[in-house]
Amino acid sequence: MSPEPVPAAVIPAGLLLSVPSSAVVLYAWLSCRRDDCPAVGQLAGELGWSARSVQRSLRHLQEAGWVVVTERRQPGGGQAPGRYELRQLPS
C-alpha cells in the first residue's frame, strides 16, 4: 500500500514580498488543508505556534488582501471558527 500523497502549496510571488515569513507559512498551511474553517487553536497546535502567533499572521494576510476571513456563528448564537478564503492576487 503506497502512502497518501502530500499536497503541495502554490505560493504567489507577490505574497513572499508583502507579508512576514510566518504569514507565508500560514498561507501555505491553509492552502494544503481540506477544511477551510479550522479554529485558531487547531491551527496553532498543528503548526506548533501560539494562538496569538496564528492571529497575528492571519491579520497580516488579511491586511495585505491575501486572505478573506468570513465570521460565522453557531446555531445557538455562539462564535464558530471563521472561513478562510485564500486569494491568488491580493484584493
C-alpha atoms as a PDB file:
ATOM      1  CA  MET A   1       0.000   0.000   0.000  1.00  0.00           C
ATOM      2  CA  SER A   2       1.529   3.337  -1.041  1.00  0.00           C
ATOM      3  CA  PRO A   3       1.381   6.376   1.255  1.00  0.00           C
ATOM      4  CA  GLU A   4      -1.185   9.105   0.645  1.00  0.00           C
ATOM      5  CA  PRO A   5       0.289  11.957  -1.427  1.00  0.00           C
ATOM      6  CA  VAL A   6       1.185  15.144   0.416  1.00  0.00           C
ATOM      7  CA  PRO A   7      -0.497  18.249  -1.036  1.00  0.00           C
ATOM      8  CA  ALA A   8       1.783  20.958  -2.407  1.00  0.00           C
ATOM      9  CA  ALA A   9       1.194  24.651  -1.787  1.00  0.00           C
ATOM     10  CA  VAL A  10       1.290  27.227  -4.541  1.00  0.00           C
ATOM     11  CA  ILE A  11       2.675  30.465  -3.130  1.00  0.00           C
ATOM     12  CA  PRO A  12       2.056  33.607  -5.206  1.00  0.00           C
ATOM     13  CA  ALA A  13       5.298  35.552  -5.756  1.00  0.00           C
ATOM     14  CA  GLY A  14       3.753  38.803  -4.534  1.00  0.00           C
ATOM     15  CA  LEU A  15       2.870  37.173  -1.232  1.00  0.00           C
ATOM     16  CA  LEU A  16       6.522  36.476  -0.486  1.00  0.00           C
ATOM     17  CA  LEU A  17       7.343  40.173  -0.680  1.00  0.00           C
ATOM     18  CA  SER A  18       4.284  41.599   1.057  1.00  0.00           C
ATOM     19  CA  VAL A  19       3.989  39.812   4.422  1.00  0.00           C
ATOM     20  CA  PRO A  20       6.283  38.366   7.135  1.00  0.00           C
ATOM     21  CA  SER A  21       7.576  34.832   6.598  1.00  0.00           C
ATOM     22  CA  SER A  22       5.312  33.420   9.320  1.00  0.00           C
ATOM     23  CA  ALA A  23       2.287  34.654   7.348  1.00  0.00           C
ATOM     24  CA  VAL A  24       3.636  32.911   4.222  1.00  0.00           C
ATOM     25  CA  VAL A  25       3.919  29.664   6.217  1.00  0.00           C
ATOM     26  CA  LEU A  26       0.324  30.039   7.434  1.00  0.00           C
ATOM     27  CA  TYR A  27      -0.915  30.752   3.874  1.00  0.00           C
ATOM     28  CA  ALA A  28       0.851  27.601   2.640  1.00  0.00           C
ATOM     29  CA  TRP A  29      -0.557  25.552   5.518  1.00  0.00           C
ATOM     30  CA  LEU A  30      -4.108  26.783   4.854  1.00  0.00           C
ATOM     31  CA  SER A  31      -3.779  26.094   1.128  1.00  0.00           C
ATOM     32  CA  CYS A  32      -2.939  22.426   1.828  1.00  0.00           C
ATOM     33  CA  ARG A  33      -5.892  21.840   4.155  1.00  0.00           C
ATOM     34  CA  ARG A  34      -9.122  20.204   3.066  1.00  0.00           C
ATOM     35  CA  ASP A  35     -11.038  22.044   5.811  1.00  0.00           C
ATOM     36  CA  ASP A  36     -11.449  25.784   5.166  1.00  0.00           C
ATOM     37  CA  CYS A  37     -12.763  26.533   8.676  1.00  0.00           C
ATOM     38  CA  PRO A  38     -10.151  25.431  11.221  1.00  0.00           C
ATOM     39  CA  ALA A  39     -10.155  27.134  14.601  1.00  0.00           C
ATOM     40  CA  VAL A  40      -7.182  29.317  15.516  1.00  0.00           C
ATOM     41  CA  GLY A  41      -6.314  26.918  18.351  1.00  0.00           C
ATOM     42  CA  GLN A  42      -6.342  23.968  15.958  1.00  0.00           C
ATOM     43  CA  LEU A  43      -4.008  25.785  13.544  1.00  0.00           C
ATOM     44  CA  ALA A  44      -1.723  26.731  16.438  1.00  0.00           C
ATOM     45  CA  GLY A  45      -1.486  23.092  17.525  1.00  0.00           C
ATOM     46  CA  GLU A  46      -0.796  21.827  14.014  1.00  0.00           C
ATOM     47  CA  LEU A  47       1.933  24.421  13.418  1.00  0.00           C
ATOM     48  CA  GLY A  48       3.423  24.329  16.927  1.00  0.00           C
ATOM     49  CA  TRP A  49       2.693  28.044  17.348  1.00  0.00           C
ATOM     50  CA  SER A  50       0.797  30.037  19.947  1.00  0.00           C
ATOM     51  CA  ALA A  51      -2.758  31.103  19.120  1.00  0.00           C
ATOM     52  CA  ARG A  52      -1.530  34.714  19.221  1.00  0.00           C
ATOM     53  CA  SER A  53       1.074  33.963  16.510  1.00  0.00           C
ATOM     54  CA  VAL A  54      -1.637  32.474  14.280  1.00  0.00           C
ATOM     55  CA  GLN A  55      -3.864  35.518  14.871  1.00  0.00           C
ATOM     56  CA  ARG A  56      -1.012  37.901  14.067  1.00  0.00           C
ATOM     57  CA  SER A  57      -0.158  36.054  10.833  1.00  0.00           C
ATOM     58  CA  LEU A  58      -3.819  35.969   9.823  1.00  0.00           C
ATOM     59  CA  ARG A  59      -4.048  39.717  10.428  1.00  0.00           C
ATOM     60  CA  HIS A  60      -1.023  40.320   8.158  1.00  0.00           C
ATOM     61  CA  LEU A  61      -2.606  38.192   5.418  1.00  0.00           C
ATOM     62  CA  GLN A  62      -5.958  39.957   5.749  1.00  0.00           C
ATOM     63  CA  GLU A  63      -4.472  43.455   5.770  1.00  0.00           C
ATOM     64  CA  ALA A  64      -2.448  42.666   2.639  1.00  0.00           C
ATOM     65  CA  GLY A  65      -5.543  41.214   0.919  1.00  0.00           C
ATOM     66  CA  TRP A  66      -4.292  37.619   0.574  1.00  0.00           C
ATOM     67  CA  VAL A  67      -6.925  36.065   2.863  1.00  0.00           C
ATOM     68  CA  VAL A  68     -10.565  36.953   3.408  1.00  0.00           C
ATOM     69  CA  VAL A  69     -11.999  35.701   6.700  1.00  0.00           C
ATOM     70  CA  THR A  70     -15.763  35.292   6.936  1.00  0.00           C
ATOM     71  CA  GLU A  71     -17.049  35.262  10.504  1.00  0.00           C
ATOM     72  CA  ARG A  72     -19.547  32.511  11.308  1.00  0.00           C
ATOM     73  CA  ARG A  73     -21.999  31.830  14.131  1.00  0.00           C
ATOM     74  CA  GLN A  74     -23.144  28.574  15.724  1.00  0.00           C
ATOM     75  CA  PRO A  75     -26.887  27.825  15.586  1.00  0.00           C
ATOM     76  CA  GLY A  76     -27.189  28.808  19.267  1.00  0.00           C
ATOM     77  CA  GLY A  77     -25.553  32.177  18.583  1.00  0.00           C
ATOM     78  CA  GLY A  78     -22.010  31.365  19.706  1.00  0.00           C
ATOM     79  CA  GLN A  79     -18.987  32.112  17.558  1.00  0.00           C
ATOM     80  CA  ALA A  80     -17.756  29.393  15.186  1.00  0.00           C
ATOM     81  CA  PRO A  81     -14.330  29.274  13.535  1.00  0.00           C
ATOM     82  CA  GLY A  82     -14.057  31.654  10.590  1.00  0.00           C
ATOM     83  CA  ARG A  83     -13.972  30.533   6.975  1.00  0.00           C
ATOM     84  CA  TYR A  84     -10.696  31.328   5.206  1.00  0.00           C
ATOM     85  CA  GLU A  85     -10.711  32.206   1.505  1.00  0.00           C
ATOM     86  CA  LEU A  86      -7.224  32.367   0.015  1.00  0.00           C
ATOM     87  CA  ARG A  87      -6.549  34.766  -2.832  1.00  0.00           C
ATOM     88  CA  GLN A  88      -4.018  34.249  -5.633  1.00  0.00           C
ATOM     89  CA  LEU A  89      -3.874  38.031  -6.067  1.00  0.00           C
ATOM     90  CA  PRO A  90      -4.438  40.461  -3.212  1.00  0.00           C
ATOM     91  CA  SER A  91      -7.877  42.063  -3.147  1.00  0.00           C
END
